[in-house]
Amino acid sequence: MFCTAQNQPALENGAYRQEGIASWYGTEFDGRPTASGEIFNSKEKTASHPTLPFGTVLKVTNTQNGLTTVVRVNDRGPLKPVRIIDVSRAAAEDLGLIAVGTAPVVIESMGAVSSFPSPAQPMPPPPIAQPSSPANPVLPPPQTPRATPAEIKPGMPPVGTNKRYRIQVGAFKVTQNATTVFDKLKNAGLNPNYERDGDIYKVVLTGIRPEDVRFIAEKLGSAGFQEGWIREE
């Protein structure tokens, strides 16, 4: 966990550097407008940041595994204040974030940044198009309600350990049902696996750190799953 001082951006010769936690968002947001007005595409290497100007190009380094990627800021976020950046799925693949969901990173601007809004300032809302005429208004896109996280049974594991867990999402005798759930999890940006127990096919998520279980539960809820069964590996 980063301390408060590490989360503060550092400026030198117009460059920007910040340390903190990164997360990612994927195909469920494809086709939706970002705060900059661009349409989100999870296959492009873009990012969401609270304050940096749109178009800022950043180098992002996962300090746990040394992997890097380069992204362009075109959205506002993350929604959770404990994180400093959200990256697209394409960038998350470069950084090794797909399975774990979050990781400590360093973000650095690729050159000088023209302006530095204070991180303490509230995040500006996305721009909303104004009506072209009273008779023909242009309405903002509808907001999608936030999904309820899936219930993790028998309960959330304690954090702060080196243990790894697996979550069983479903168990099926009909292989097509298992395949359908597997594909649904992949489309949600997760990394499922199959387990076979006799004539039963189980769909599981493996190698999950205890601190990432809540994030996985949110992903499962967004994909339409109501529960998952957790056990220690």
Protein backbone atom coordinates (compact mmCIF):
# COMPACT_ATOMS: atom_id res chain seq x y z
CA MET A 1 0.00 0.00 0.00
CA PHE A 2 1.39 3.41 -0.97
CA CYS A 3 1.58 6.15 1.63
CA THR A 4 0.04 9.55 1.01
CA ALA A 5 3.33 11.16 0.03
CA GLN A 6 3.96 8.58 -2.69
CA ASN A 7 0.55 9.26 -4.20
CA GLN A 8 1.32 12.94 -4.77
CA PRO A 9 2.47 13.81 -8.32
CA ALA A 10 6.02 15.09 -8.76
CA LEU A 11 6.88 17.74 -11.37
CA GLU A 12 10.30 18.31 -12.84
CA ASN A 13 11.02 20.33 -16.00
CA GLY A 14 7.35 20.15 -16.96
CA ALA A 15 7.20 16.36 -16.63
CA TYR A 16 4.69 14.47 -14.52
CA ARG A 17 5.36 11.45 -12.30
CA GLN A 18 3.02 9.71 -9.86
CA GLU A 19 2.94 6.41 -7.95
CA GLY A 20 -0.16 4.53 -6.85
CA ILE A 21 -2.62 1.78 -7.74
CA ALA A 22 -3.89 1.12 -11.26
CA SER A 23 -6.96 -0.81 -12.35
CA TRP A 24 -8.54 -1.46 -15.76
CA TYR A 25 -11.86 -1.48 -17.58
CA GLY A 26 -12.81 -3.53 -20.59
CA THR A 27 -15.32 -4.51 -23.25
CA GLU A 28 -18.41 -3.70 -21.17
CA PHE A 29 -17.68 0.01 -21.84
CA ASP A 30 -17.02 -0.34 -25.60
CA GLY A 31 -19.03 2.11 -27.65
CA ARG A 32 -19.74 4.49 -24.77
CA PRO A 33 -18.55 8.12 -24.86
CA THR A 34 -15.63 9.03 -22.60
CA ALA A 35 -15.34 12.33 -20.74
CA SER A 36 -13.30 13.72 -23.65
CA GLY A 37 -16.10 12.92 -26.10
CA GLU A 38 -14.21 10.04 -27.73
CA ILE A 39 -15.90 6.66 -28.00
CA PHE A 40 -14.25 4.10 -25.73
CA ASN A 41 -12.52 1.20 -27.47
CA SER A 42 -10.97 -1.42 -25.17
CA LYS A 43 -8.57 -2.46 -27.97
CA GLU A 44 -6.89 0.97 -27.93
CA LYS A 45 -4.29 1.90 -25.32
CA THR A 46 -6.04 4.70 -23.47
CA ALA A 47 -6.50 5.70 -19.84
CA SER A 48 -8.70 7.50 -17.35
CA HIS A 49 -7.02 10.04 -15.01
CA PRO A 50 -8.59 12.55 -12.56
CA THR A 51 -6.78 15.71 -13.65
CA LEU A 52 -4.27 15.38 -16.50
CA PRO A 53 -5.25 17.13 -19.75
CA PHE A 54 -6.90 14.97 -22.39
CA GLY A 55 -4.32 13.79 -24.91
CA THR A 56 -1.52 13.49 -22.33
CA VAL A 57 0.67 10.51 -23.22
CA LEU A 58 1.83 8.46 -20.24
CA LYS A 59 4.27 5.63 -19.70
CA VAL A 60 2.81 3.21 -17.13
CA THR A 61 5.09 0.74 -15.31
CA ASN A 62 3.81 -2.15 -13.20
CA THR A 63 6.29 -2.14 -10.31
CA GLN A 64 5.41 -5.72 -9.34
CA ASN A 65 6.52 -7.30 -12.62
CA GLY A 66 8.39 -4.54 -14.50
CA LEU A 67 6.01 -4.57 -17.49
CA THR A 68 5.30 -1.23 -19.19
CA THR A 69 2.90 0.30 -21.69
CA VAL A 70 2.16 3.73 -23.18
CA VAL A 71 -1.37 5.17 -22.98
CA ARG A 72 -3.19 8.36 -23.92
CA VAL A 73 -5.54 10.06 -21.43
CA ASN A 74 -9.06 10.43 -22.86
CA ASP A 75 -11.33 9.91 -19.85
CA ARG A 76 -11.87 10.94 -16.23
CA GLY A 77 -11.49 8.52 -13.31
CA PRO A 78 -10.87 6.21 -11.57
CA LEU A 79 -14.11 6.21 -9.57
CA LYS A 80 -12.28 4.91 -6.48
CA PRO A 81 -9.99 7.57 -4.92
CA VAL A 82 -7.46 4.94 -3.75
CA ARG A 83 -6.48 4.41 -7.41
CA ILE A 84 -4.62 6.88 -9.60
CA ILE A 85 -5.38 5.56 -13.10
CA ASP A 86 -7.67 3.20 -15.02
CA VAL A 87 -6.27 1.72 -18.25
CA SER A 88 -8.04 0.03 -21.15
CA ARG A 89 -7.97 -3.74 -21.62
CA ALA A 90 -5.27 -3.51 -24.32
CA ALA A 91 -3.00 -1.61 -21.94
CA ALA A 92 -3.91 -3.95 -19.06
CA GLU A 93 -2.72 -6.92 -21.14
CA ASP A 94 0.66 -5.21 -21.58
CA LEU A 95 0.90 -4.65 -17.82
CA GLY A 96 -0.24 -8.12 -16.72
CA LEU A 97 -3.35 -6.72 -14.99
CA ILE A 98 -6.02 -8.96 -16.53
CA ALA A 99 -5.99 -11.70 -13.89
CA VAL A 100 -5.17 -9.62 -10.81
CA GLY A 101 -7.27 -6.54 -11.58
CA THR A 102 -5.09 -4.00 -9.77
CA ALA A 103 -1.37 -3.40 -9.25
CA PRO A 104 1.03 -0.71 -8.00
CA VAL A 105 2.34 1.42 -10.85
CA VAL A 106 4.43 4.46 -11.71
CA ILE A 107 2.99 6.80 -14.34
CA GLU A 108 5.26 9.27 -16.16
CA SER A 109 4.41 11.79 -18.85
CA MET A 110 6.15 11.33 -22.19
CA GLY A 111 7.25 14.96 -22.34
CA ALA A 112 6.11 18.22 -20.76
CA VAL A 113 2.48 18.65 -19.71
CA SER A 114 0.95 22.03 -20.53
CA SER A 115 -1.12 22.36 -17.35
CA PHE A 116 -1.37 20.69 -13.96
CA PRO A 117 -4.79 20.93 -12.32
CA SER A 118 -4.50 20.32 -8.59
CA PRO A 119 -5.25 16.68 -7.66
CA ALA A 120 -7.18 18.04 -4.68
CA GLN A 121 -9.72 19.71 -6.99
CA PRO A 122 -12.95 17.78 -7.65
CA MET A 123 -13.01 15.77 -10.85
CA PRO A 124 -14.85 17.73 -13.58
CA PRO A 125 -17.98 16.07 -14.97
CA PRO A 126 -18.04 14.77 -18.55
CA PRO A 127 -19.14 17.39 -21.11
CA ILE A 128 -22.82 17.30 -22.05
CA ALA A 129 -23.91 18.41 -25.50
CA GLN A 130 -26.24 21.43 -25.51
CA PRO A 131 -29.52 21.39 -27.45
CA SER A 132 -29.16 22.68 -31.00
CA SER A 133 -32.67 24.16 -30.70
CA PRO A 134 -35.54 23.94 -28.19
CA ALA A 135 -37.47 21.78 -30.65
CA ASN A 136 -34.62 19.35 -31.26
CA PRO A 137 -32.63 18.81 -28.02
CA VAL A 138 -29.52 16.63 -27.91
CA LEU A 139 -29.73 14.52 -24.77
CA PRO A 140 -26.75 12.99 -22.92
CA PRO A 141 -26.46 9.18 -23.06
CA PRO A 142 -28.36 7.34 -20.30
CA GLN A 143 -26.33 6.31 -17.27
CA THR A 144 -26.05 2.57 -16.64
CA PRO A 145 -26.85 1.65 -13.01
CA ARG A 146 -23.94 0.14 -11.11
CA ALA A 147 -24.35 -3.62 -10.73
CA THR A 148 -24.47 -5.26 -7.31
CA PRO A 149 -21.27 -7.25 -6.61
CA ALA A 150 -21.64 -11.02 -6.61
CA GLU A 151 -21.91 -12.64 -3.17
CA ILE A 152 -18.72 -14.52 -2.32
CA LYS A 153 -19.47 -17.65 -0.29
CA PRO A 154 -18.74 -18.64 2.42
CA GLY A 155 -17.27 -15.14 2.85
CA MET A 156 -14.47 -12.71 2.00
CA PRO A 157 -10.99 -13.98 2.96
CA PRO A 158 -8.74 -11.91 5.26
CA VAL A 159 -6.39 -9.57 3.42
CA GLY A 160 -2.70 -9.08 4.14
CA THR A 161 -1.65 -12.69 3.55
CA ASN A 162 0.34 -14.40 0.80
CA LYS A 163 -2.41 -16.94 0.19
CA ARG A 164 -4.05 -17.45 -3.19
CA TYR A 165 -7.68 -18.36 -3.80
CA ARG A 166 -9.90 -19.72 -6.52
CA ILE A 167 -13.53 -18.80 -7.09
CA GLN A 168 -15.93 -21.30 -8.62
CA VAL A 169 -18.51 -19.51 -10.76
CA GLY A 170 -20.42 -22.56 -11.97
CA ALA A 171 -20.50 -26.37 -12.24
CA PHE A 172 -22.27 -28.11 -15.12
CA LYS A 173 -22.94 -31.51 -16.62
CA VAL A 174 -23.77 -29.95 -19.98
CA THR A 175 -20.50 -28.78 -21.54
CA GLN A 176 -22.23 -26.08 -23.57
CA ASN A 177 -23.42 -24.42 -20.36
CA ALA A 178 -19.86 -24.39 -19.03
CA THR A 179 -18.62 -22.91 -22.33
CA THR A 180 -21.27 -20.17 -22.19
CA VAL A 181 -20.21 -19.12 -18.67
CA PHE A 182 -16.51 -19.32 -19.65
CA ASP A 183 -17.07 -16.98 -22.62
CA LYS A 184 -19.15 -14.59 -20.51
CA LEU A 185 -16.32 -14.30 -17.98
CA LYS A 186 -13.77 -13.70 -20.75
CA ASN A 187 -15.94 -10.93 -22.20
CA ALA A 188 -16.07 -9.35 -18.73
CA GLY A 189 -12.27 -9.09 -18.74
CA LEU A 190 -11.63 -12.04 -16.41
CA ASN A 191 -9.39 -15.06 -16.97
CA PRO A 192 -11.42 -18.25 -16.32
CA ASN A 193 -10.29 -21.88 -16.37
CA TYR A 194 -12.01 -25.26 -16.56
CA GLU A 195 -11.83 -27.98 -13.92
CA ARG A 196 -13.25 -31.46 -14.50
CA ASP A 197 -14.64 -33.56 -11.66
CA GLY A 198 -15.99 -36.78 -13.19
CA ASP A 199 -18.77 -35.72 -15.55
CA ILE A 200 -18.96 -32.24 -14.00
CA TYR A 201 -17.28 -29.26 -15.65
CA LYS A 202 -16.45 -26.40 -13.29
CA VAL A 203 -15.65 -22.85 -14.40
CA VAL A 204 -13.21 -21.20 -11.99
CA LEU A 205 -11.04 -18.11 -11.52
CA THR A 206 -7.63 -19.04 -10.13
CA GLY A 207 -4.60 -17.42 -8.49
CA ILE A 208 -6.60 -14.61 -6.88
CA ARG A 209 -5.00 -12.54 -4.12
CA PRO A 210 -7.24 -11.86 -1.09
CA GLU A 211 -7.10 -8.10 -1.66
CA ASP A 212 -8.46 -8.59 -5.21
CA VAL A 213 -11.50 -10.69 -4.26
CA ARG A 214 -13.79 -7.66 -3.84
CA PHE A 215 -12.77 -6.36 -7.28
CA ILE A 216 -13.53 -9.80 -8.78
CA ALA A 217 -16.93 -9.77 -7.05
CA GLU A 218 -17.71 -6.42 -8.70
CA LYS A 219 -16.68 -7.79 -12.09
CA LEU A 220 -18.86 -10.86 -11.60
CA GLY A 221 -21.83 -8.71 -10.59
CA SER A 222 -21.38 -6.52 -13.66
CA ALA A 223 -21.38 -9.66 -15.83
CA GLY A 224 -24.67 -10.83 -14.31
CA PHE A 225 -23.41 -13.42 -11.81
CA GLN A 226 -25.01 -13.37 -8.37
CA GLU A 227 -22.57 -15.53 -6.41
CA GLY A 228 -19.25 -17.37 -6.42
CA TRP A 229 -17.74 -20.02 -4.16
CA ILE A 230 -14.24 -19.34 -2.86
CA ARG A 231 -11.61 -21.73 -1.54
CA GLU A 232 -7.91 -21.51 -0.76
CA GLU A 233 -5.52 -22.97 -3.32
